[in-house]
Amino acid sequence: VQLVESGGGLVQAGGSLRLSCAASGSTASINGMGWYRQAPGKERELVASITSGGGITNYGDSVKGRFTISRDNAKNTIYLQMNTLKPEDTAVYYCNAKVGGVYYVVDYWGKGTLVIVSS
């Protein structure tokens, strides 16, 4: 599975950005996809995720109500709509795909896209 992110950039606080992540390869084996982020000096954290089957979503507490994850199964692409951005949202955003079965999960990662929110 290969993942390619796009859509990062520089935005002022209060603004919006939309990230995209296109998956290729063995996409039929993907159970779910999501976005993680890592700010300088901090650990990588979950931003949002969505399952491939029922489209069940999950969000990190810091982005609930501001970010929305969605998917286009026909394009093997997920999106992250980020609204009301804050300086603390500044980070490298990584796309993630989980592949596996009952007894194992393999994580695939994109190279990341940088989001900078200026105050």
Protein backbone atom coordinates (compact mmCIF):
# COMPACT_ATOMS: atom_id res chain seq x y z
CA VAL A 1 0.00 0.00 0.00
CA GLN A 2 1.34 3.42 -0.96
CA LEU A 3 -0.03 6.64 0.47
CA VAL A 4 0.46 10.14 -0.93
CA GLU A 5 -0.69 13.20 0.99
CA SER A 6 -1.38 16.65 -0.38
CA GLY A 7 -2.97 19.91 0.70
CA GLY A 8 -0.70 21.18 3.44
CA GLY A 9 0.52 24.73 3.63
CA LEU A 10 0.53 27.98 5.55
CA VAL A 11 -2.72 29.42 6.85
CA GLN A 12 -3.72 32.07 9.36
CA ALA A 13 -5.41 31.17 12.61
CA GLY A 14 -9.14 30.76 12.09
CA GLY A 15 -8.66 29.63 8.51
CA SER A 16 -9.27 26.30 6.80
CA LEU A 17 -7.32 23.70 4.90
CA ARG A 18 -8.23 20.42 3.24
CA LEU A 19 -5.81 17.53 3.19
CA SER A 20 -6.06 14.59 0.81
CA CYS A 21 -4.50 11.16 0.93
CA ALA A 22 -4.59 8.84 -2.07
CA ALA A 23 -3.94 5.15 -1.57
CA SER A 24 -2.63 2.80 -4.22
CA GLY A 25 -1.49 -0.79 -4.38
CA SER A 26 -3.38 -3.43 -2.39
CA THR A 27 -6.17 -1.07 -1.40
CA ALA A 28 -8.72 -3.86 -1.07
CA SER A 29 -6.82 -5.06 2.01
CA ILE A 30 -7.18 -1.76 3.89
CA ASN A 31 -9.38 -1.96 6.98
CA GLY A 32 -9.26 1.71 7.83
CA MET A 33 -7.41 4.94 7.18
CA GLY A 34 -6.69 8.03 9.16
CA TRP A 35 -4.61 11.08 9.89
CA TYR A 36 -1.98 11.49 12.54
CA ARG A 37 0.13 14.53 13.29
CA GLN A 38 3.43 15.24 14.93
CA ALA A 39 4.50 18.64 16.16
CA PRO A 40 8.14 19.48 16.95
CA GLY A 41 9.21 17.87 20.19
CA LYS A 42 5.94 15.97 20.59
CA GLU A 43 4.78 12.44 19.97
CA ARG A 44 2.70 11.50 16.99
CA GLU A 45 -1.00 11.64 17.83
CA LEU A 46 -4.23 10.52 16.24
CA VAL A 47 -6.18 13.28 14.53
CA ALA A 48 -8.99 11.31 12.91
CA SER A 49 -9.71 7.90 11.47
CA ILE A 50 -12.38 6.24 9.37
CA THR A 51 -13.11 2.58 8.77
CA SER A 52 -13.33 1.16 5.29
CA GLY A 53 -16.47 -0.81 5.91
CA GLY A 54 -19.01 1.16 7.84
CA GLY A 55 -17.30 4.51 7.64
CA ILE A 56 -17.10 4.78 11.40
CA THR A 57 -15.12 7.85 12.41
CA ASN A 58 -13.01 8.67 15.43
CA TYR A 59 -11.42 12.00 16.37
CA GLY A 60 -8.77 13.21 18.73
CA ASP A 61 -10.19 15.37 21.51
CA SER A 62 -8.33 18.47 20.41
CA VAL A 63 -9.93 18.51 16.94
CA LYS A 64 -13.49 17.42 17.66
CA GLY A 65 -15.98 19.84 16.19
CA ARG A 66 -13.36 21.51 13.98
CA PHE A 67 -12.01 18.73 11.73
CA THR A 68 -13.95 16.30 9.56
CA ILE A 69 -12.63 13.14 7.96
CA SER A 70 -14.30 11.71 4.88
CA ARG A 71 -13.58 9.17 2.19
CA ASP A 72 -14.15 8.49 -1.49
CA ASN A 73 -13.91 4.75 -1.91
CA ALA A 74 -14.04 4.97 -5.70
CA LYS A 75 -10.87 7.08 -5.63
CA ASN A 76 -9.25 5.26 -2.69
CA THR A 77 -8.85 8.67 -1.12
CA ILE A 78 -9.54 10.15 2.27
CA TYR A 79 -9.83 13.82 3.14
CA LEU A 80 -9.39 15.90 6.25
CA GLN A 81 -11.30 19.16 6.30
CA MET A 82 -9.72 21.38 8.92
CA ASN A 83 -11.66 24.44 10.03
CA THR A 84 -11.05 27.07 12.68
CA LEU A 85 -7.37 26.24 12.66
CA LYS A 86 -5.25 27.19 15.65
CA PRO A 87 -1.49 27.71 15.97
CA GLU A 88 -1.33 24.51 18.03
CA ASP A 89 -2.52 22.59 14.98
CA THR A 90 0.86 23.26 13.40
CA ALA A 91 2.45 19.89 12.66
CA VAL A 92 3.38 17.40 10.01
CA TYR A 93 0.25 15.47 9.13
CA TYR A 94 0.67 11.84 8.18
CA CYS A 95 -1.78 9.61 6.37
CA ASN A 96 -2.14 6.11 7.80
CA ALA A 97 -3.66 2.91 6.47
CA LYS A 98 -4.23 -0.22 8.52
CA VAL A 99 -4.08 -3.60 6.85
CA GLY A 100 -4.66 -6.83 8.66
CA GLY A 101 -6.88 -9.52 9.97
CA VAL A 102 -7.97 -10.85 13.31
CA TYR A 103 -4.48 -11.48 14.70
CA TYR A 104 -2.32 -8.74 13.22
CA VAL A 105 -2.35 -5.18 11.93
CA VAL A 106 0.22 -3.60 9.65
CA ASP A 107 0.51 0.17 9.49
CA TYR A 108 1.38 2.00 6.31
CA TRP A 109 2.40 5.67 6.36
CA GLY A 110 2.65 8.47 3.91
CA LYS A 111 5.62 10.86 3.91
CA GLY A 112 3.62 13.61 5.55
CA THR A 113 2.47 17.08 4.66
CA LEU A 114 3.34 20.18 6.68
CA VAL A 115 0.62 22.42 8.07
CA ILE A 116 1.64 25.74 9.60
CA VAL A 117 -0.95 27.92 11.32
CA SER A 118 0.20 31.44 12.01
CA SER A 119 -1.22 33.54 14.81
